[in-house]
Amino acid sequence: MDVQLSLRKIFDGHNGTAAAVFSRDHLLNHVLGAIPCGLGRDEWLHALPRALVAGFVKTDKEFQSKGQTSGTTATFVIVDRWTVTVASVGDSRCILDTQGGAVSELTVDHRLEENAEERERVTASGGEVGRLSIFGGTEIGPLRCWPGGLCLSRSIGDMDVGEFIVPIPFVKQVKLSAVGGRLIIASDGVWDAISSDMAAKSCRGLPAELAARQVVKEALRTRGLKDDTTCIVVDIIPPDNTVQPATPPKKYNKLRSLFFRRKSHKSAAKLSKKLSAVGIVEELFEEGSAILAERLGSEDSNGPSMSGLFICAVCQVDLAASEGISVHAGSIFSTSSKPWQGPFLCADCCNKKDAMEGKRPSGVKVT
């Protein structure tokens, strides 16, 4: 398949740079390694969200095996012609600015202070959430996870915090209209200073490189240099007379509210053409569950099977016929627990899954 890909990524490390550097060097290969060979374009895009989950988890698992306590956020953006797929853990952010001034966020911040669902998940898995306590019992600062004191609920690395801080990314996939759009990807140093709307407005009319500099300049003017302040701007401008790719599988045909409107199967092609003409962006996929059984375990007859009996769905190692453990096995969190069905995991990756769900410790913990 002729895949015309553009990749942008931001890794914002903490407690050292080791996790960020390792993720930069290995994450892409792990994602691509989780996609079956020989797929057509629509099938490839359909398989990508699940492969991103596997790639993030494998990267985290391999880095933690090195025994280093560094961690990193990760915002990973893949552009394939008209389709944009974003996977993220942590608090870096990717936004989409389209002609007409509609700004939408393609990521979710995994900060314990703002994300109530993540606080509940962490405590249910065995972590403790609270503020830093100083002399006299006074609590200060943002909510953190203990042990370790991390403000984030998802990251790559951070083995000293506990594996309920998971590397399972929020994934969103959209298809742009014929008018294209602008992606602004930045670390939390930008978003702590300015809103998504402010970032988009501050750089409209500028070419991408100058736009990125302007966003950083606006963030520094507002808040000063208090954290890593990195920004990437990507303009997706389809050439004239370009024919859009075929509509993806029906499972992915979802549009929300005014910006993402629901599309009926009967008039899919007709409505898609109309939406393209007025600059509406089509949402193809969105999922943020932190439960591996939910992210790897749903099979769709319209898409390619990724539940091979003899390959681990995360690390892609070969399995003997008797070695595979269903990703559903023993998962009290899964709403569709089917322990006799795939995908399957090797024993090591099953241990990783259980640790992320708070069932048993995995790896080395530093106290």
Protein backbone atom coordinates (compact mmCIF):
# COMPACT_ATOMS: atom_id res chain seq x y z
CA MET A 1 0.00 0.00 0.00
CA ASP A 2 1.25 3.48 -0.85
CA VAL A 3 0.93 5.29 2.49
CA GLN A 4 1.74 9.00 2.42
CA LEU A 5 2.34 9.70 6.08
CA SER A 6 3.37 12.76 8.00
CA LEU A 7 4.35 12.30 11.64
CA ARG A 8 4.64 14.92 14.39
CA LYS A 9 5.35 14.15 18.03
CA ILE A 10 6.07 15.92 21.30
CA PHE A 11 7.59 14.19 24.33
CA ASP A 12 7.78 16.30 27.49
CA GLY A 13 10.01 14.43 29.92
CA HIS A 14 10.24 14.72 33.68
CA ASN A 15 12.70 13.34 36.23
CA GLY A 16 15.30 13.28 33.47
CA THR A 17 15.19 12.89 29.68
CA ALA A 18 15.62 9.12 29.39
CA ALA A 19 11.94 8.23 28.87
CA ALA A 20 11.41 11.00 26.33
CA VAL A 21 14.49 9.98 24.31
CA PHE A 22 13.57 6.29 24.42
CA SER A 23 10.00 7.02 23.29
CA ARG A 24 11.23 9.25 20.49
CA ASP A 25 13.46 6.46 19.21
CA HIS A 26 11.13 3.46 19.58
CA LEU A 27 7.45 4.39 19.72
CA LEU A 28 6.85 4.70 15.97
CA ASN A 29 8.39 1.32 15.19
CA HIS A 30 6.31 -0.32 17.91
CA VAL A 31 3.11 1.20 16.53
CA LEU A 32 3.86 0.16 12.95
CA GLY A 33 4.87 -3.32 14.14
CA ALA A 34 1.37 -3.82 15.59
CA ILE A 35 -0.36 -3.26 12.23
CA PRO A 36 -0.84 -6.37 10.02
CA CYS A 37 0.92 -6.34 6.67
CA GLY A 38 -0.86 -6.15 3.34
CA LEU A 39 -3.74 -3.86 4.33
CA GLY A 40 -5.50 -1.41 2.04
CA ARG A 41 -5.65 2.26 3.04
CA ASP A 42 -9.03 2.13 4.77
CA GLU A 43 -8.08 -1.06 6.60
CA TRP A 44 -4.77 0.49 7.65
CA LEU A 45 -6.49 3.54 9.09
CA HIS A 46 -9.04 1.30 10.80
CA ALA A 47 -6.25 -0.71 12.46
CA LEU A 48 -4.21 2.33 13.53
CA PRO A 49 -6.03 3.26 16.80
CA ARG A 50 -5.56 -0.21 18.25
CA ALA A 51 -1.95 -0.35 17.06
CA LEU A 52 -1.27 2.95 18.83
CA VAL A 53 -2.46 1.45 22.11
CA ALA A 54 -0.22 -1.59 21.65
CA GLY A 55 2.74 0.59 20.65
CA PHE A 56 2.42 2.90 23.66
CA VAL A 57 2.14 -0.03 26.10
CA LYS A 58 5.09 -1.87 24.52
CA THR A 59 7.25 1.27 24.67
CA ASP A 60 6.41 1.78 28.33
CA LYS A 61 7.02 -1.89 29.15
CA GLU A 62 10.43 -1.91 27.44
CA PHE A 63 11.53 1.35 29.06
CA GLN A 64 10.49 0.23 32.53
CA SER A 65 12.53 -2.94 32.09
CA LYS A 66 15.64 -0.73 32.06
CA GLY A 67 15.04 0.23 35.67
CA GLN A 68 15.10 4.00 35.10
CA THR A 69 12.60 6.21 36.90
CA SER A 70 12.19 8.90 34.26
CA GLY A 71 8.82 9.55 32.66
CA THR A 72 7.36 11.45 29.74
CA THR A 73 4.15 12.69 28.22
CA ALA A 74 3.60 11.74 24.58
CA THR A 75 1.48 13.37 21.91
CA PHE A 76 1.73 11.45 18.65
CA VAL A 77 0.10 12.82 15.49
CA ILE A 78 -0.14 10.85 12.23
CA VAL A 79 -1.49 12.56 9.12
CA ASP A 80 -2.42 10.36 6.16
CA ARG A 81 -3.79 12.56 3.37
CA TRP A 82 -7.13 13.78 4.75
CA THR A 83 -7.10 11.72 7.94
CA VAL A 84 -5.53 12.84 11.22
CA THR A 85 -4.98 10.36 14.05
CA VAL A 86 -3.79 11.60 17.44
CA ALA A 87 -2.73 9.49 20.44
CA SER A 88 -1.70 11.07 23.72
CA VAL A 89 -0.83 10.48 27.35
CA GLY A 90 -0.16 13.32 29.76
CA ASP A 91 -0.89 17.01 29.37
CA SER A 92 0.59 18.04 26.06
CA ARG A 93 -2.22 18.93 23.67
CA CYS A 94 -3.15 18.90 19.99
CA ILE A 95 -5.86 21.20 18.66
CA LEU A 96 -7.41 21.55 15.22
CA ASP A 97 -8.20 24.98 13.77
CA THR A 98 -10.33 25.00 10.63
CA GLN A 99 -11.33 27.76 8.27
CA GLY A 100 -14.24 29.62 9.75
CA GLY A 101 -12.71 29.73 13.22
CA ALA A 102 -13.89 26.39 14.62
CA VAL A 103 -11.30 25.11 17.13
CA SER A 104 -11.50 21.60 18.57
CA GLU A 105 -9.23 19.66 20.91
CA LEU A 106 -8.00 16.31 19.62
CA THR A 107 -6.52 15.24 22.97
CA VAL A 108 -7.61 14.94 26.60
CA ASP A 109 -5.49 16.25 29.47
CA HIS A 110 -4.52 13.49 31.91
CA ARG A 111 -4.05 15.74 34.92
CA LEU A 112 -5.37 14.51 38.22
CA GLU A 113 -6.40 18.03 39.21
CA GLU A 114 -8.83 18.43 36.31
CA ASN A 115 -9.78 14.88 35.35
CA ALA A 116 -12.25 13.35 37.83
CA GLU A 117 -12.57 10.06 35.91
CA GLU A 118 -8.83 9.53 36.07
CA ARG A 119 -8.76 10.27 39.80
CA GLU A 120 -11.39 7.60 40.35
CA ARG A 121 -9.51 5.11 38.18
CA VAL A 122 -6.20 5.66 39.97
CA THR A 123 -7.69 5.26 43.44
CA ALA A 124 -9.67 2.17 42.35
CA SER A 125 -6.41 0.64 41.09
CA GLY A 126 -4.58 1.19 44.37
CA GLY A 127 -3.07 4.66 44.09
CA GLU A 128 -3.58 7.51 46.53
CA VAL A 129 -4.51 10.98 45.25
CA GLY A 130 -3.80 14.06 47.35
CA ARG A 131 -1.88 17.31 47.59
CA LEU A 132 1.61 17.82 48.92
CA SER A 133 1.51 18.08 52.68
CA ILE A 134 4.00 20.41 54.37
CA PHE A 135 4.84 21.16 58.00
CA GLY A 136 1.73 21.46 60.11
CA GLY A 137 -0.40 19.41 57.74
CA THR A 138 -1.04 22.24 55.28
CA GLU A 139 -1.76 20.95 51.77
CA ILE A 140 -0.39 22.86 48.80
CA GLY A 141 -0.16 22.54 45.02
CA PRO A 142 -2.08 20.41 42.53
CA LEU A 143 -3.43 16.93 43.16
CA ARG A 144 -0.77 14.25 42.85
CA CYS A 145 -0.59 10.47 42.83
CA TRP A 146 1.24 8.83 45.71
CA PRO A 147 3.73 7.24 45.92
CA GLY A 148 5.85 9.39 43.64
CA GLY A 149 3.91 12.63 43.62
CA LEU A 150 3.15 12.72 39.88
CA CYS A 151 0.47 15.18 38.76
CA LEU A 152 -0.40 13.07 35.70
CA SER A 153 -2.51 9.92 35.56
CA ARG A 154 -1.01 8.64 32.30
CA SER A 155 2.54 8.68 30.99
CA ILE A 156 5.31 6.51 29.57
CA GLY A 157 7.81 5.38 32.21
CA ASP A 158 7.47 6.59 35.82
CA MET A 159 8.02 3.13 37.27
CA ASP A 160 8.58 4.63 40.75
CA VAL A 161 4.99 5.94 40.86
CA GLY A 162 3.12 2.66 40.32
CA GLU A 163 1.71 1.06 37.20
CA PHE A 164 -1.77 2.43 37.75
CA ILE A 165 -0.19 5.47 36.04
CA VAL A 166 -0.80 3.91 32.65
CA PRO A 167 0.64 4.39 29.14
CA ILE A 168 -2.69 3.66 27.41
CA PRO A 169 -3.38 6.68 25.18
CA PHE A 170 -6.50 8.63 24.40
CA VAL A 171 -6.93 8.23 20.64
CA LYS A 172 -8.94 10.39 18.26
CA GLN A 173 -9.16 10.09 14.49
CA VAL A 174 -10.81 12.65 12.20
CA LYS A 175 -11.12 13.25 8.48
CA LEU A 176 -10.72 16.82 7.30
CA SER A 177 -12.85 18.44 4.67
CA ALA A 178 -11.66 19.84 1.35
CA VAL A 179 -10.67 23.13 3.02
CA GLY A 180 -8.06 21.43 5.20
CA GLY A 181 -7.03 22.69 8.61
CA ARG A 182 -4.22 23.62 10.98
CA LEU A 183 -2.88 21.45 13.79
CA ILE A 184 -1.25 23.10 16.81
CA ILE A 185 0.67 20.64 18.99
CA ALA A 186 2.30 21.96 22.15
CA SER A 187 3.59 21.03 25.58
CA ASP A 188 1.88 22.10 28.79
CA GLY A 189 4.07 25.19 29.07
CA VAL A 190 1.92 26.66 26.30
CA TRP A 191 -1.46 25.45 27.55
CA ASP A 192 -0.81 26.59 31.11
CA ALA A 193 -0.46 30.10 29.72
CA ILE A 194 -3.05 30.38 26.95
CA SER A 195 -6.26 28.63 25.92
CA SER A 196 -6.77 26.62 22.76
CA ASP A 197 -8.78 29.46 21.21
CA MET A 198 -6.10 32.00 22.09
CA ALA A 199 -3.38 29.84 20.54
CA ALA A 200 -5.34 29.45 17.31
CA LYS A 201 -6.24 33.13 17.06
CA SER A 202 -2.71 34.34 17.83
CA CYS A 203 -1.19 32.74 14.75
CA ARG A 204 -3.88 32.82 12.07
CA GLY A 205 -2.62 34.14 8.76
CA LEU A 206 1.00 33.16 9.47
CA PRO A 207 2.93 30.35 7.78
CA ALA A 208 3.40 27.26 9.96
CA GLU A 209 6.95 27.94 11.21
CA LEU A 210 6.21 31.54 12.14
CA ALA A 211 2.88 30.46 13.63
CA ALA A 212 4.63 28.08 16.04
CA ARG A 213 6.99 30.83 17.13
CA GLN A 214 4.08 33.19 17.64
CA VAL A 215 2.24 30.70 19.87
CA VAL A 216 5.35 30.30 22.04
CA LYS A 217 5.85 34.07 22.12
CA GLU A 218 2.25 34.59 23.25
CA ALA A 219 2.62 31.95 25.98
CA LEU A 220 5.84 33.52 27.26
CA ARG A 221 4.31 36.99 27.19
CA THR A 222 1.36 35.77 29.25
CA ARG A 223 3.11 33.62 31.84
CA GLY A 224 6.86 33.78 31.37
CA LEU A 225 9.19 30.80 31.04
CA LYS A 226 8.13 28.49 33.88
CA ASP A 227 8.09 25.15 32.06
CA ASP A 228 9.07 23.54 28.78
CA THR A 229 7.30 25.60 26.11
CA THR A 230 7.36 23.75 22.80
CA CYS A 231 5.02 24.15 19.83
CA ILE A 232 4.64 22.53 16.40
CA VAL A 233 2.21 23.84 13.78
CA VAL A 234 1.17 21.68 10.83
CA ASP A 235 -0.91 23.03 7.96
CA ILE A 236 -2.93 20.45 6.03
CA ILE A 237 -3.82 22.17 2.77
CA PRO A 238 -5.20 19.74 0.19
CA PRO A 239 -4.18 20.61 -3.39
CA ASP A 240 -6.83 21.68 -5.86
CA ASN A 241 -8.80 18.97 -7.61
CA THR A 242 -7.74 16.30 -5.14
CA VAL A 243 -10.19 13.43 -4.77
CA GLN A 244 -10.89 12.46 -1.17
CA PRO A 245 -10.41 8.81 -0.12
CA ALA A 246 -13.33 6.45 0.18
CA THR A 247 -15.52 6.61 3.27
CA PRO A 248 -14.09 4.42 6.11
CA PRO A 249 -15.98 1.42 7.59
CA LYS A 250 -19.45 2.17 8.94
CA LYS A 251 -18.34 1.77 12.55
CA TYR A 252 -16.33 4.94 12.22
CA ASN A 253 -19.03 7.16 10.68
CA LYS A 254 -19.82 9.43 13.62
CA LEU A 255 -20.19 13.19 13.70
CA ARG A 256 -20.78 15.16 16.86
CA SER A 257 -22.84 18.30 17.66
CA LEU A 258 -22.44 21.22 15.24
CA PHE A 259 -18.81 20.44 14.55
CA PHE A 260 -19.29 16.67 14.49
CA ARG A 261 -22.74 15.82 13.12
CA ARG A 262 -24.21 12.35 12.91
CA LYS A 263 -24.42 10.86 9.43
CA SER A 264 -26.96 8.23 8.31
CA HIS A 265 -25.62 5.19 6.45
CA LYS A 266 -28.23 5.57 3.71
CA SER A 267 -27.00 8.96 2.56
CA ALA A 268 -23.36 8.64 3.66
CA ALA A 269 -21.69 9.56 0.39
CA LYS A 270 -24.07 12.46 -0.35
CA LEU A 271 -23.77 13.96 3.11
CA SER A 272 -20.00 13.50 3.18
CA LYS A 273 -19.74 15.59 0.01
CA LYS A 274 -21.92 18.33 1.50
CA LEU A 275 -19.99 18.40 4.75
CA SER A 276 -16.74 18.64 2.85
CA ALA A 277 -18.02 21.62 0.94
CA VAL A 278 -18.88 23.59 4.09
CA GLY A 279 -15.75 22.64 6.03
CA ILE A 280 -17.22 20.21 8.56
CA VAL A 281 -14.76 17.74 10.09
CA GLU A 282 -15.81 14.11 10.37
CA GLU A 283 -15.00 12.18 13.53
CA LEU A 284 -13.96 8.64 12.67
CA PHE A 285 -12.88 7.29 16.04
CA GLU A 286 -12.54 8.34 19.68
CA GLU A 287 -11.69 6.22 22.71
CA GLY A 288 -10.02 7.04 26.02
CA SER A 289 -10.53 3.98 28.22
CA ALA A 290 -7.52 3.04 30.34
CA ILE A 291 -8.52 -0.64 30.40
CA LEU A 292 -6.49 -2.73 27.97
CA ALA A 293 -9.26 -5.28 27.49
CA GLU A 294 -11.52 -2.49 26.22
CA ARG A 295 -8.89 -1.08 23.86
CA LEU A 296 -7.61 -4.29 22.33
CA GLY A 297 -10.54 -6.63 22.81
CA SER A 298 -13.29 -5.46 20.45
CA GLU A 299 -13.42 -7.27 17.14
CA ASP A 300 -15.16 -5.73 14.14
CA SER A 301 -16.17 -7.82 11.16
CA ASN A 302 -15.69 -4.79 8.90
CA GLY A 303 -12.03 -4.43 9.84
CA PRO A 304 -8.94 -6.64 9.84
CA SER A 305 -8.50 -9.18 12.62
CA MET A 306 -5.69 -8.38 15.03
CA SER A 307 -6.33 -11.20 17.49
CA GLY A 308 -3.90 -13.77 16.14
CA LEU A 309 -3.73 -16.86 18.33
CA PHE A 310 0.04 -17.08 18.11
CA ILE A 311 1.14 -13.44 18.41
CA CYS A 312 1.02 -11.26 21.52
CA ALA A 313 -1.24 -8.27 20.77
CA VAL A 314 1.13 -5.89 22.62
CA CYS A 315 4.73 -6.99 22.15
CA GLN A 316 4.16 -9.00 18.95
CA VAL A 317 6.23 -11.98 20.11
CA ASP A 318 5.33 -15.43 18.79
CA LEU A 319 3.27 -17.60 21.14
CA ALA A 320 3.01 -21.35 21.37
CA ALA A 321 -0.50 -22.74 21.00
CA SER A 322 -0.84 -23.14 24.79
CA GLU A 323 0.81 -19.85 25.81
CA GLY A 324 -1.67 -17.20 24.72
CA ILE A 325 -3.70 -15.53 27.51
CA SER A 326 -6.87 -13.73 26.44
CA VAL A 327 -6.79 -10.00 27.09
CA HIS A 328 -10.22 -10.52 28.69
CA ALA A 329 -9.04 -13.16 31.16
CA GLY A 330 -9.82 -12.15 34.73
CA SER A 331 -10.62 -8.54 33.80
CA ILE A 332 -13.27 -7.31 36.21
CA PHE A 333 -13.14 -3.96 34.43
CA SER A 334 -14.13 -5.23 31.00
CA THR A 335 -17.79 -4.86 30.05
CA SER A 336 -17.41 -7.63 27.49
CA SER A 337 -15.36 -10.19 29.37
CA LYS A 338 -14.87 -13.20 27.08
CA PRO A 339 -11.78 -15.08 28.30
CA TRP A 340 -12.01 -17.62 25.48
CA GLN A 341 -11.67 -14.93 22.79
CA GLY A 342 -8.68 -12.93 21.59
CA PRO A 343 -6.69 -10.87 21.27
CA PHE A 344 -4.11 -12.79 23.28
CA LEU A 345 -1.14 -11.71 25.37
CA CYS A 346 2.10 -13.34 26.41
CA ALA A 347 2.52 -13.95 30.16
CA ASP A 348 4.71 -10.86 30.57
CA CYS A 349 2.22 -8.52 28.88
CA CYS A 350 -0.66 -10.12 30.80
CA ASN A 351 1.24 -9.31 34.00
CA LYS A 352 1.59 -5.73 32.75
CA LYS A 353 -2.15 -5.52 32.10
CA ASP A 354 -2.97 -6.84 35.55
CA ALA A 355 -0.57 -4.39 37.19
CA MET A 356 -2.19 -1.45 35.40
CA GLU A 357 -5.56 -2.58 36.76
CA GLY A 358 -4.19 -2.77 40.30
CA LYS A 359 -4.30 -6.56 40.57
CA ARG A 360 -0.65 -7.22 41.33
CA PRO A 361 2.64 -5.31 41.37
CA SER A 362 4.85 -5.40 38.31
CA GLY A 363 8.39 -4.16 37.84
CA VAL A 364 10.52 -2.48 40.48
CA LYS A 365 9.12 0.22 42.70
CA VAL A 366 11.34 2.88 44.22
CA THR A 367 10.22 4.25 47.57
